[in-house]
Amino acid sequence: MKTLSLPTFFPDATYASIHSLPFHDVAEKLEGIVVTTLHMQLIGITELLLKINNEGSNLDINYRSLANLRDDMVILSDSGGFQVLSLIHKHKLGKVTEEGAIFKLPDSPKKKHLLTPELSQDIQHAIGSDIRVVLDVPLMGNEDRKTTTEAMERTTRWAARAKEQYNKHTANNKGEVVSTPHSLSFSRPLLCAVVQGGNDPELRKESGAQLSAIGFDLYGFGGWPLDEKGFFNTKIAEAFVNSLPAGSITYGMGVGTPDDIAISHKIGMTIFDCVIPTRNARHGSLFVTKGNGEKAGETFDLVRIGAQRYETDLSPIDKDCDCPVCKNYTRAYLRFLQKKKNPVGYTLASLHNVWWYMNFVKSLR
């Protein structure tokens, strides 16, 4: 039985690892990670697992055992749906049909990759993830109502197909699921649907109703969480939560800044993931407690470590943070490493940001 205290934050391990950060560096704080189904397939993880299992005797190796992750750590695999948004809708690299999503990758645009709702579940089963997401059709949010409705309805049809395939993989696993407002415990893989509907509250309501009628273990906020001005779309987040049965476990997919997470939690979301901690770390933007850095948001400050002011600053990044970086290194040292493009500097910055994020979300409990 795995148990999550809610709310919780999962760092993104898109390509089978947290960017610039070994798992063991955050093992004592880590409750879970998010891996990306499409990328895990394309980089050859599932192919490697198949080869290991075929060559061994009585082996049943999955991604957890390959990476030697703790048994109680939760692995959440997304469906590949966000790549529909980023690669197909945003960069026009592919198209969506009723069968599935056809991707063309930036480094090999002539080669096509078909991802169906069924194949997405097959890959996630091979990975051995604990929470599996159905393939969906997300949009940027500025599409017309007809396009948004069609995408929402296709998402529902794909969700039904994905659940049927999921059931085939889990037919012999009838484990228990117990959820409360503050925890989620389960002894079988969970299936997560994705509520769509763009920036239309009525379509969000309809999407939630359609998916609830099929029945899933938890529900994700699909699509782009920001409005046209770049602010978190509170209205649509509320429509998402209100579209679901009371007590539903909700997943704020890709949310977001500490302020966005705090707002989303007040609205009712409880599971979060985002690339912001590691992405910002690589660009020298470090999250710190209010009052310990440069003013940034309602719930956090930033230390922009590349600034001249930190060249001789011998204080920790955040005096109120208990991460190994803040315990052992100075702002001046971290600035020096990043200015010299030393990869250790990116690792230390990522370690701090991920650790800080997990502490921040824990403080919301």
Protein backbone atom coordinates (compact mmCIF):
# COMPACT_ATOMS: atom_id res chain seq x y z
CA MET A 1 0.00 0.00 0.00
CA LYS A 2 1.44 3.36 -1.07
CA THR A 3 0.34 6.50 0.79
CA LEU A 4 0.61 10.14 -0.27
CA SER A 5 0.07 13.02 2.12
CA LEU A 6 -1.82 15.79 0.33
CA PRO A 7 -1.08 18.25 -1.11
CA THR A 8 2.11 16.90 -2.66
CA PHE A 9 4.58 17.97 -5.32
CA PHE A 10 6.29 15.66 -7.83
CA PRO A 11 9.38 16.92 -9.69
CA ASP A 12 9.37 16.18 -13.42
CA ALA A 13 11.70 13.40 -14.56
CA THR A 14 10.78 13.83 -18.22
CA TYR A 15 13.62 11.80 -19.72
CA ALA A 16 13.81 9.19 -16.92
CA SER A 17 15.66 11.52 -14.53
CA ILE A 18 15.17 14.87 -12.82
CA HIS A 19 17.16 17.33 -14.93
CA SER A 20 20.68 17.84 -13.49
CA LEU A 21 19.71 16.07 -10.26
CA PRO A 22 20.36 12.44 -9.20
CA PHE A 23 17.43 10.82 -7.39
CA HIS A 24 19.51 9.92 -4.34
CA ASP A 25 20.20 13.61 -3.65
CA VAL A 26 16.52 14.18 -2.83
CA ALA A 27 15.55 10.63 -1.82
CA GLU A 28 14.70 11.52 1.77
CA LYS A 29 12.20 14.21 0.68
CA LEU A 30 10.84 12.69 -2.52
CA GLU A 31 7.29 11.32 -2.44
CA GLY A 32 7.00 10.86 -6.19
CA ILE A 33 8.11 11.85 -9.67
CA VAL A 34 6.46 12.43 -13.05
CA VAL A 35 7.86 10.73 -16.13
CA THR A 36 6.75 11.44 -19.70
CA THR A 37 5.31 8.47 -21.58
CA LEU A 38 6.20 9.61 -25.10
CA HIS A 39 9.76 10.56 -24.20
CA MET A 40 10.33 7.40 -22.17
CA GLN A 41 9.39 5.43 -25.28
CA LEU A 42 11.47 7.52 -27.68
CA ILE A 43 14.65 7.41 -25.59
CA GLY A 44 14.40 3.62 -25.45
CA ILE A 45 13.50 2.89 -21.83
CA THR A 46 10.72 0.42 -22.67
CA GLU A 47 12.95 -1.23 -25.30
CA LEU A 48 15.71 -1.61 -22.70
CA LEU A 49 13.30 -3.08 -20.14
CA LEU A 50 12.08 -5.62 -22.70
CA LYS A 51 15.66 -6.60 -23.55
CA ILE A 52 16.61 -7.03 -19.87
CA ASN A 53 13.53 -9.14 -19.15
CA ASN A 54 14.00 -11.28 -22.26
CA GLU A 55 17.66 -11.99 -21.49
CA GLY A 56 17.12 -12.75 -17.80
CA SER A 57 15.47 -15.75 -16.20
CA ASN A 58 12.29 -15.06 -14.25
CA LEU A 59 12.97 -11.32 -14.30
CA ASP A 60 10.25 -8.71 -14.03
CA ILE A 61 12.24 -5.50 -14.28
CA ASN A 62 10.45 -2.16 -14.64
CA TYR A 63 11.60 1.43 -14.47
CA ARG A 64 11.50 1.49 -10.65
CA SER A 65 13.89 -1.45 -10.32
CA LEU A 66 16.05 -0.18 -13.21
CA ALA A 67 16.57 3.17 -11.43
CA ASN A 68 16.58 1.54 -7.97
CA LEU A 69 13.82 3.81 -6.68
CA ARG A 70 12.23 3.25 -3.28
CA ASP A 71 9.26 0.89 -3.19
CA ASP A 72 7.07 3.51 -1.50
CA MET A 73 7.93 6.30 -3.95
CA VAL A 74 5.12 7.03 -6.40
CA ILE A 75 5.84 7.08 -10.13
CA LEU A 76 3.27 9.05 -12.11
CA SER A 77 3.47 8.69 -15.89
CA ASP A 78 1.74 11.28 -18.01
CA SER A 79 0.04 10.13 -21.20
CA GLY A 80 1.85 12.09 -23.88
CA GLY A 81 -1.09 14.49 -24.02
CA PHE A 82 0.99 17.56 -23.20
CA GLN A 83 3.15 16.79 -26.22
CA VAL A 84 -0.04 17.06 -28.30
CA LEU A 85 -0.19 20.63 -27.04
CA SER A 86 3.51 21.52 -27.29
CA LEU A 87 4.55 19.66 -30.45
CA ILE A 88 1.37 19.42 -32.52
CA HIS A 89 -0.71 22.48 -31.63
CA LYS A 90 2.09 24.89 -30.79
CA HIS A 91 4.83 23.87 -33.25
CA LYS A 92 2.71 22.16 -35.95
CA LEU A 93 4.78 18.96 -35.72
CA GLY A 94 2.09 16.39 -36.45
CA LYS A 95 -1.67 16.04 -36.28
CA VAL A 96 -4.47 14.52 -34.23
CA THR A 97 -6.82 11.91 -35.70
CA GLU A 98 -9.49 9.74 -34.12
CA GLU A 99 -6.96 6.90 -33.97
CA GLY A 100 -4.43 8.90 -31.99
CA ALA A 101 -1.74 11.59 -32.09
CA ILE A 102 0.82 11.54 -34.89
CA PHE A 103 4.06 13.24 -33.84
CA LYS A 104 6.99 14.57 -35.81
CA LEU A 105 9.97 15.45 -33.65
CA PRO A 106 12.08 18.61 -34.17
CA ASP A 107 15.28 16.61 -34.71
CA SER A 108 13.69 14.16 -37.19
CA PRO A 109 10.60 15.84 -38.73
CA LYS A 110 10.33 13.31 -41.56
CA LYS A 111 9.78 10.42 -39.18
CA LYS A 112 6.29 9.98 -37.73
CA HIS A 113 5.33 8.46 -34.38
CA LEU A 114 1.74 7.35 -33.71
CA LEU A 115 0.62 7.39 -30.08
CA THR A 116 -2.85 5.94 -29.43
CA PRO A 117 -4.77 5.83 -26.13
CA GLU A 118 -4.07 2.09 -26.02
CA LEU A 119 -0.35 2.35 -26.78
CA SER A 120 0.02 5.05 -24.15
CA GLN A 121 -1.36 2.62 -21.56
CA ASP A 122 0.88 -0.18 -22.89
CA ILE A 123 3.95 2.01 -22.40
CA GLN A 124 2.89 3.09 -18.93
CA HIS A 125 2.28 -0.53 -17.97
CA ALA A 126 5.77 -1.46 -19.20
CA ILE A 127 7.23 1.40 -17.16
CA GLY A 128 5.37 0.02 -14.14
CA SER A 129 4.05 3.39 -13.02
CA ASP A 130 1.75 3.79 -10.03
CA ILE A 131 -0.46 6.53 -11.49
CA ARG A 132 -1.23 6.35 -15.21
CA VAL A 133 -2.82 9.13 -17.24
CA VAL A 134 -5.15 8.69 -20.22
CA LEU A 135 -4.17 10.24 -23.55
CA ASP A 136 -6.10 13.47 -24.11
CA VAL A 137 -6.42 16.34 -26.59
CA PRO A 138 -5.32 19.57 -24.87
CA LEU A 139 -5.61 22.98 -26.49
CA MET A 140 -3.93 26.34 -25.96
CA GLY A 141 -7.20 27.89 -24.77
CA ASN A 142 -7.75 30.50 -27.48
CA GLU A 143 -9.54 28.18 -29.95
CA ASP A 144 -13.16 28.67 -31.03
CA ARG A 145 -15.96 26.81 -29.26
CA LYS A 146 -16.44 24.26 -32.05
CA THR A 147 -12.77 23.24 -32.00
CA THR A 148 -12.75 23.15 -28.19
CA THR A 149 -15.90 21.02 -28.08
CA GLU A 150 -14.53 18.55 -30.61
CA ALA A 151 -11.29 18.19 -28.65
CA MET A 152 -13.18 17.74 -25.39
CA GLU A 153 -15.45 15.04 -26.85
CA ARG A 154 -12.50 13.23 -28.44
CA THR A 155 -10.77 13.34 -25.05
CA THR A 156 -13.78 11.51 -23.58
CA ARG A 157 -13.72 8.85 -26.30
CA TRP A 158 -9.99 8.37 -25.88
CA ALA A 159 -10.42 8.13 -22.10
CA ALA A 160 -12.91 5.28 -22.51
CA ARG A 161 -10.49 3.45 -24.83
CA ALA A 162 -7.60 4.03 -22.43
CA LYS A 163 -9.59 2.67 -19.49
CA GLU A 164 -10.45 -0.47 -21.44
CA GLN A 165 -6.76 -1.06 -22.16
CA TYR A 166 -5.82 -0.22 -18.56
CA ASN A 167 -8.34 -2.80 -17.36
CA LYS A 168 -6.67 -5.46 -19.51
CA HIS A 169 -3.32 -4.74 -17.86
CA THR A 170 -4.71 -4.64 -14.31
CA ALA A 171 -7.37 -7.40 -14.53
CA ASN A 172 -5.62 -9.42 -11.82
CA ASN A 173 -4.87 -6.48 -9.56
CA LYS A 174 -7.95 -5.61 -7.50
CA GLY A 175 -6.17 -3.57 -4.87
CA GLU A 176 -7.68 -1.09 -2.46
CA VAL A 177 -7.93 2.70 -2.88
CA VAL A 178 -8.65 4.95 0.10
CA SER A 179 -8.75 8.74 -0.24
CA THR A 180 -9.39 11.58 2.19
CA PRO A 181 -8.93 15.35 1.80
CA HIS A 182 -5.43 14.92 3.26
CA SER A 183 -4.17 11.56 1.97
CA LEU A 184 -4.35 9.01 -0.81
CA SER A 185 -3.55 5.34 -0.18
CA PHE A 186 -3.63 2.62 -2.83
CA SER A 187 -2.37 -0.89 -3.53
CA ARG A 188 -2.95 -1.00 -7.30
CA PRO A 189 -2.09 1.31 -10.21
CA LEU A 190 -4.40 4.30 -10.44
CA LEU A 191 -5.89 5.72 -13.64
CA CYS A 192 -6.18 9.47 -14.12
CA ALA A 193 -8.52 11.12 -16.63
CA VAL A 194 -7.87 14.63 -17.94
CA VAL A 195 -10.61 17.26 -17.91
CA GLN A 196 -10.57 19.46 -21.00
CA GLY A 197 -12.75 22.29 -22.29
CA GLY A 198 -10.28 25.11 -22.84
CA ASN A 199 -11.25 28.44 -21.31
CA ASP A 200 -14.98 27.69 -21.48
CA PRO A 201 -16.39 26.95 -17.98
CA GLU A 202 -19.44 25.20 -19.43
CA LEU A 203 -17.30 22.85 -21.51
CA ARG A 204 -15.09 22.16 -18.49
CA LYS A 205 -18.25 21.23 -16.58
CA GLU A 206 -19.36 18.95 -19.40
CA SER A 207 -15.95 17.31 -19.68
CA GLY A 208 -15.86 16.61 -15.95
CA ALA A 209 -19.35 15.11 -16.08
CA GLN A 210 -18.54 12.87 -19.06
CA LEU A 211 -15.34 11.55 -17.50
CA SER A 212 -16.94 11.08 -14.08
CA ALA A 213 -19.62 8.95 -15.72
CA ILE A 214 -16.90 6.62 -17.06
CA GLY A 215 -15.20 6.61 -13.65
CA PHE A 216 -11.54 7.19 -12.80
CA ASP A 217 -9.38 7.20 -9.68
CA LEU A 218 -8.34 10.84 -10.04
CA TYR A 219 -8.71 13.72 -12.47
CA GLY A 220 -6.19 16.09 -14.00
CA PHE A 221 -6.53 19.73 -15.05
CA GLY A 222 -5.86 19.58 -18.79
CA GLY A 223 -4.76 22.29 -21.18
CA TRP A 224 -2.92 25.53 -20.60
CA PRO A 225 -3.33 26.89 -17.02
CA LEU A 226 -2.52 30.52 -17.93
CA ASP A 227 -4.77 33.13 -19.51
CA GLU A 228 -3.86 35.34 -22.48
CA LYS A 229 -2.04 37.78 -20.15
CA GLY A 230 0.09 35.02 -18.61
CA PHE A 231 -1.76 34.92 -15.29
CA PHE A 232 -3.04 31.73 -13.66
CA ASN A 233 -6.61 31.15 -14.85
CA THR A 234 -8.45 30.89 -11.51
CA LYS A 235 -11.89 30.86 -13.14
CA ILE A 236 -11.14 27.78 -15.22
CA ALA A 237 -9.35 26.05 -12.33
CA GLU A 238 -12.51 26.48 -10.25
CA ALA A 239 -14.65 25.17 -13.12
CA PHE A 240 -12.41 22.09 -13.28
CA VAL A 241 -12.70 21.27 -9.57
CA ASN A 242 -16.46 21.99 -9.50
CA SER A 243 -17.05 19.72 -12.52
CA LEU A 244 -16.13 16.64 -10.46
CA PRO A 245 -17.89 14.65 -7.73
CA ALA A 246 -17.18 15.88 -4.21
CA GLY A 247 -14.08 14.29 -2.72
CA SER A 248 -12.38 13.63 -6.05
CA ILE A 249 -8.57 13.59 -6.06
CA THR A 250 -7.45 16.37 -8.40
CA TYR A 251 -4.12 16.79 -10.17
CA GLY A 252 -2.93 20.23 -11.24
CA MET A 253 -0.92 19.12 -14.26
CA GLY A 254 1.99 21.48 -14.87
CA VAL A 255 0.97 23.91 -12.08
CA GLY A 256 3.17 25.94 -11.57
CA THR A 257 4.72 28.79 -9.59
CA PRO A 258 4.41 28.72 -5.77
CA ASP A 259 1.65 31.34 -6.04
CA ASP A 260 -0.24 29.24 -8.60
CA ILE A 261 0.07 26.14 -6.43
CA ALA A 262 -1.16 27.99 -3.34
CA ILE A 263 -4.19 29.32 -5.23
CA SER A 264 -4.90 25.93 -6.80
CA HIS A 265 -4.74 24.22 -3.42
CA LYS A 266 -7.27 26.67 -1.98
CA ILE A 267 -9.53 25.87 -4.93
CA GLY A 268 -9.19 22.14 -4.29
CA MET A 269 -6.25 20.66 -6.22
CA THR A 270 -3.95 18.35 -4.29
CA ILE A 271 -1.27 16.84 -6.59
CA PHE A 272 1.16 19.08 -8.48
CA ASP A 273 4.10 18.78 -10.84
CA CYS A 274 6.12 21.29 -12.82
CA VAL A 275 9.44 21.77 -14.59
CA ILE A 276 9.85 25.25 -13.06
CA PRO A 277 12.16 24.27 -10.15
CA THR A 278 14.85 22.71 -12.34
CA ARG A 279 14.35 24.93 -15.38
CA ASN A 280 14.63 28.11 -13.30
CA ALA A 281 17.62 26.66 -11.43
CA ARG A 282 19.57 26.26 -14.69
CA HIS A 283 18.92 29.93 -15.41
CA GLY A 284 20.08 31.03 -11.98
CA SER A 285 16.67 31.76 -10.47
CA LEU A 286 16.42 30.30 -6.95
CA PHE A 287 13.27 30.19 -4.83
CA VAL A 288 13.52 31.41 -1.25
CA THR A 289 11.25 32.15 1.69
CA LYS A 290 9.51 35.53 1.76
CA GLY A 291 11.88 38.14 3.14
CA ASN A 292 15.04 36.22 2.22
CA GLY A 293 15.51 37.45 -1.34
CA GLU A 294 14.31 39.74 -4.08
CA LYS A 295 10.55 40.33 -4.13
CA ALA A 296 8.86 38.06 -6.67
CA GLY A 297 5.46 36.64 -5.69
CA GLU A 298 2.91 36.62 -2.90
CA THR A 299 4.32 33.43 -1.38
CA PHE A 300 8.00 33.50 -2.33
CA ASP A 301 11.06 35.60 -3.11
CA LEU A 302 13.83 34.88 -5.60
CA VAL A 303 17.61 34.95 -5.50
CA ARG A 304 18.81 35.64 -9.03
CA ILE A 305 22.20 34.18 -8.34
CA GLY A 306 23.93 35.74 -11.35
CA ALA A 307 23.50 39.25 -9.95
CA GLN A 308 26.63 41.16 -8.95
CA ARG A 309 25.31 41.64 -5.41
CA TYR A 310 25.92 37.95 -4.64
CA GLU A 311 29.57 37.84 -5.79
CA THR A 312 30.95 37.99 -2.23
CA ASP A 313 27.78 36.99 -0.33
CA LEU A 314 28.75 34.25 2.14
CA SER A 315 25.21 33.59 3.37
CA PRO A 316 23.20 30.51 2.36
CA ILE A 317 20.73 30.76 -0.50
CA ASP A 318 17.84 30.70 2.02
CA LYS A 319 18.61 30.86 5.74
CA ASP A 320 15.28 29.16 6.49
CA CYS A 321 15.82 26.21 4.14
CA ASP A 322 17.08 22.84 5.42
CA CYS A 323 18.32 21.52 2.07
CA PRO A 324 21.93 20.22 1.77
CA VAL A 325 22.87 23.20 -0.42
CA CYS A 326 21.78 25.79 2.11
CA LYS A 327 23.51 23.82 4.88
CA ASN A 328 26.84 23.52 3.06
CA TYR A 329 27.34 26.25 0.43
CA THR A 330 27.25 30.01 0.03
CA ARG A 331 25.58 32.25 -2.50
CA ALA A 332 29.02 33.43 -3.62
CA TYR A 333 30.16 29.87 -4.35
CA LEU A 334 27.01 28.97 -6.25
CA ARG A 335 27.25 32.18 -8.28
CA PHE A 336 30.88 31.40 -9.11
CA LEU A 337 30.00 27.90 -10.35
CA GLN A 338 27.13 29.11 -12.50
CA LYS A 339 29.14 31.97 -13.98
CA LYS A 340 31.82 29.42 -14.95
CA LYS A 341 29.09 27.15 -16.39
CA ASN A 342 30.21 24.39 -14.05
CA PRO A 343 27.57 21.60 -14.15
CA VAL A 344 27.89 21.17 -10.38
CA GLY A 345 26.40 24.65 -10.08
CA TYR A 346 23.30 23.54 -12.00
CA THR A 347 23.00 20.43 -9.84
CA LEU A 348 23.24 22.40 -6.59
CA ALA A 349 20.72 25.00 -7.80
CA SER A 350 18.32 22.26 -8.91
CA LEU A 351 18.69 20.43 -5.61
CA HIS A 352 17.82 23.58 -3.68
CA ASN A 353 14.81 24.49 -5.84
CA VAL A 354 13.30 20.98 -5.83
CA TRP A 355 13.82 20.62 -2.08
CA TRP A 356 12.37 24.09 -1.46
CA TYR A 357 9.31 23.31 -3.60
CA MET A 358 8.60 20.11 -1.72
CA ASN A 359 8.89 21.96 1.59
CA PHE A 360 6.63 24.73 0.29
CA VAL A 361 3.85 22.36 -0.78
CA LYS A 362 4.16 20.46 2.49
CA SER A 363 3.62 23.75 4.36
CA LEU A 364 0.19 24.06 2.69
CA ARG A 365 -1.07 20.93 4.47
